[in-house]
Structures are given as structure tokens and as C-alpha cells.
Amino acid sequence: MTQEQLAKKVGTDKSYISKVEHGLIVPSIGMFYRMAAAMGYEVELVKRG
């Protein structure tokens, strides 16, 4: 998937995705979940103990 394709799926622009990939910015938790879902991943939070 290209940066442009991912950006379109999550409602942002290619430059934002590039900045995330290069570690220049950290996405919000909401954007993180949208990006993961757009790439076919599922994120699960599990409480320890």
C-alpha cells in the first residue's frame, strides 16, 4: 500500500503519513487505530494481571 492510498483510506494526506513513517510526528491514538485497520491489522489492548 502506498502512502497516498493509506492517506486516502484514513482521511489525511500523504505528507502526514510520510512524517509518521519517518518518526517526525506521533499519530493520535485514534489515527493509529484507523491506520492499523486500513492496513488490515487489529489492535487489542489487554490488561495485565
N, C-alpha and C. Protein backbone atom coordinates (compact mmCIF):
# COMPACT_ATOMS: atom_id res chain seq x y z
N MET A 1 0.84 -1.16 0.00
CA MET A 1 0.00 0.00 0.00
C MET A 1 0.90 1.24 0.00
N THR A 2 0.57 2.19 -0.84
CA THR A 2 1.36 3.41 -0.90
C THR A 2 0.92 4.38 0.20
N GLN A 3 1.76 5.37 0.43
CA GLN A 3 1.39 6.42 1.40
C GLN A 3 0.12 7.12 0.96
N GLU A 4 -0.01 7.35 -0.31
CA GLU A 4 -1.18 8.03 -0.84
C GLU A 4 -2.45 7.20 -0.63
N GLN A 5 -2.35 5.90 -0.86
CA GLN A 5 -3.51 5.02 -0.66
C GLN A 5 -3.91 4.98 0.81
N LEU A 6 -2.93 4.86 1.69
CA LEU A 6 -3.21 4.84 3.13
C LEU A 6 -3.82 6.16 3.57
N ALA A 7 -3.25 7.25 3.11
CA ALA A 7 -3.77 8.57 3.47
C ALA A 7 -5.23 8.71 3.07
N LYS A 8 -5.57 8.25 1.88
CA LYS A 8 -6.94 8.35 1.40
C LYS A 8 -7.88 7.52 2.27
N LYS A 9 -7.44 6.32 2.66
CA LYS A 9 -8.28 5.44 3.47
C LYS A 9 -8.54 6.00 4.87
N VAL A 10 -7.59 6.74 5.42
CA VAL A 10 -7.75 7.23 6.79
C VAL A 10 -8.14 8.70 6.86
N GLY A 11 -8.25 9.35 5.70
CA GLY A 11 -8.72 10.73 5.67
C GLY A 11 -7.68 11.77 6.00
N THR A 12 -6.47 11.57 5.52
CA THR A 12 -5.42 12.56 5.72
C THR A 12 -4.66 12.71 4.41
N ASP A 13 -3.49 13.34 4.46
CA ASP A 13 -2.72 13.49 3.23
C ASP A 13 -1.41 12.71 3.29
N LYS A 14 -0.80 12.55 2.15
CA LYS A 14 0.42 11.76 2.01
C LYS A 14 1.55 12.30 2.88
N SER A 15 1.65 13.60 3.02
CA SER A 15 2.75 14.18 3.81
C SER A 15 2.63 13.79 5.28
N TYR A 16 1.40 13.69 5.78
CA TYR A 16 1.20 13.26 7.18
C TYR A 16 1.71 11.83 7.36
N ILE A 17 1.35 10.94 6.46
CA ILE A 17 1.78 9.54 6.53
C ILE A 17 3.30 9.47 6.46
N SER A 18 3.91 10.25 5.59
CA SER A 18 5.36 10.27 5.46
C SER A 18 6.02 10.70 6.77
N LYS A 19 5.46 11.72 7.41
CA LYS A 19 6.02 12.20 8.69
C LYS A 19 5.91 11.13 9.77
N VAL A 20 4.82 10.39 9.78
CA VAL A 20 4.66 9.30 10.75
C VAL A 20 5.71 8.22 10.47
N GLU A 21 5.86 7.84 9.20
CA GLU A 21 6.83 6.80 8.83
C GLU A 21 8.26 7.18 9.21
N HIS A 22 8.58 8.45 9.10
CA HIS A 22 9.94 8.90 9.40
C HIS A 22 10.14 9.29 10.85
N GLY A 23 9.13 9.10 11.68
CA GLY A 23 9.25 9.38 13.10
C GLY A 23 9.26 10.86 13.46
N LEU A 24 8.77 11.69 12.55
CA LEU A 24 8.77 13.13 12.80
C LEU A 24 7.57 13.55 13.64
N ILE A 25 6.49 12.78 13.56
CA ILE A 25 5.31 13.02 14.39
C ILE A 25 4.76 11.68 14.88
N VAL A 26 4.02 11.75 15.96
CA VAL A 26 3.36 10.56 16.50
C VAL A 26 1.86 10.75 16.28
N PRO A 27 1.20 9.80 15.64
CA PRO A 27 -0.23 9.96 15.39
C PRO A 27 -1.03 9.87 16.69
N SER A 28 -2.19 10.49 16.69
CA SER A 28 -3.10 10.34 17.83
C SER A 28 -3.50 8.88 17.93
N ILE A 29 -4.02 8.49 19.06
CA ILE A 29 -4.43 7.09 19.23
C ILE A 29 -5.53 6.73 18.24
N GLY A 30 -6.43 7.67 17.98
CA GLY A 30 -7.48 7.43 17.00
C GLY A 30 -6.94 7.20 15.61
N MET A 31 -5.99 8.04 15.22
CA MET A 31 -5.39 7.89 13.90
C MET A 31 -4.59 6.60 13.82
N PHE A 32 -3.92 6.23 14.90
CA PHE A 32 -3.17 4.98 14.94
C PHE A 32 -4.10 3.79 14.66
N TYR A 33 -5.26 3.78 15.33
CA TYR A 33 -6.22 2.70 15.11
C TYR A 33 -6.75 2.71 13.68
N ARG A 34 -7.04 3.88 13.13
CA ARG A 34 -7.52 3.96 11.74
C ARG A 34 -6.47 3.47 10.76
N MET A 35 -5.21 3.85 11.00
CA MET A 35 -4.13 3.41 10.11
C MET A 35 -3.96 1.89 10.19
N ALA A 36 -3.97 1.35 11.40
CA ALA A 36 -3.82 -0.10 11.57
C ALA A 36 -4.95 -0.83 10.85
N ALA A 37 -6.19 -0.38 11.05
CA ALA A 37 -7.34 -1.03 10.40
C ALA A 37 -7.24 -0.94 8.89
N ALA A 38 -6.82 0.21 8.37
CA ALA A 38 -6.70 0.40 6.92
C ALA A 38 -5.68 -0.55 6.32
N MET A 39 -4.68 -0.94 7.11
CA MET A 39 -3.65 -1.86 6.62
C MET A 39 -3.98 -3.32 6.93
N GLY A 40 -5.17 -3.55 7.51
CA GLY A 40 -5.60 -4.93 7.77
C GLY A 40 -5.19 -5.48 9.11
N TYR A 41 -4.77 -4.61 10.03
CA TYR A 41 -4.37 -5.06 11.37
C TYR A 41 -5.48 -4.76 12.37
N GLU A 42 -5.48 -5.53 13.44
CA GLU A 42 -6.40 -5.31 14.54
C GLU A 42 -5.55 -5.09 15.79
N VAL A 43 -5.85 -4.04 16.51
CA VAL A 43 -5.11 -3.72 17.73
C VAL A 43 -5.99 -4.09 18.91
N GLU A 44 -5.41 -4.82 19.86
CA GLU A 44 -6.17 -5.24 21.03
C GLU A 44 -5.40 -4.83 22.29
N LEU A 45 -6.08 -4.18 23.20
CA LEU A 45 -5.48 -3.81 24.47
C LEU A 45 -5.86 -4.88 25.50
N VAL A 46 -4.87 -5.35 26.23
CA VAL A 46 -5.08 -6.42 27.20
C VAL A 46 -4.55 -5.95 28.55
N LYS A 47 -5.38 -6.04 29.56
CA LYS A 47 -4.97 -5.66 30.91
C LYS A 47 -4.15 -6.79 31.51
N ARG A 48 -3.01 -6.43 32.04
CA ARG A 48 -2.14 -7.43 32.68
C ARG A 48 -2.59 -7.66 34.11
N GLY A 49 -2.34 -8.89 34.56
CA GLY A 49 -2.58 -9.22 35.95
C GLY A 49 -3.98 -9.40 36.24
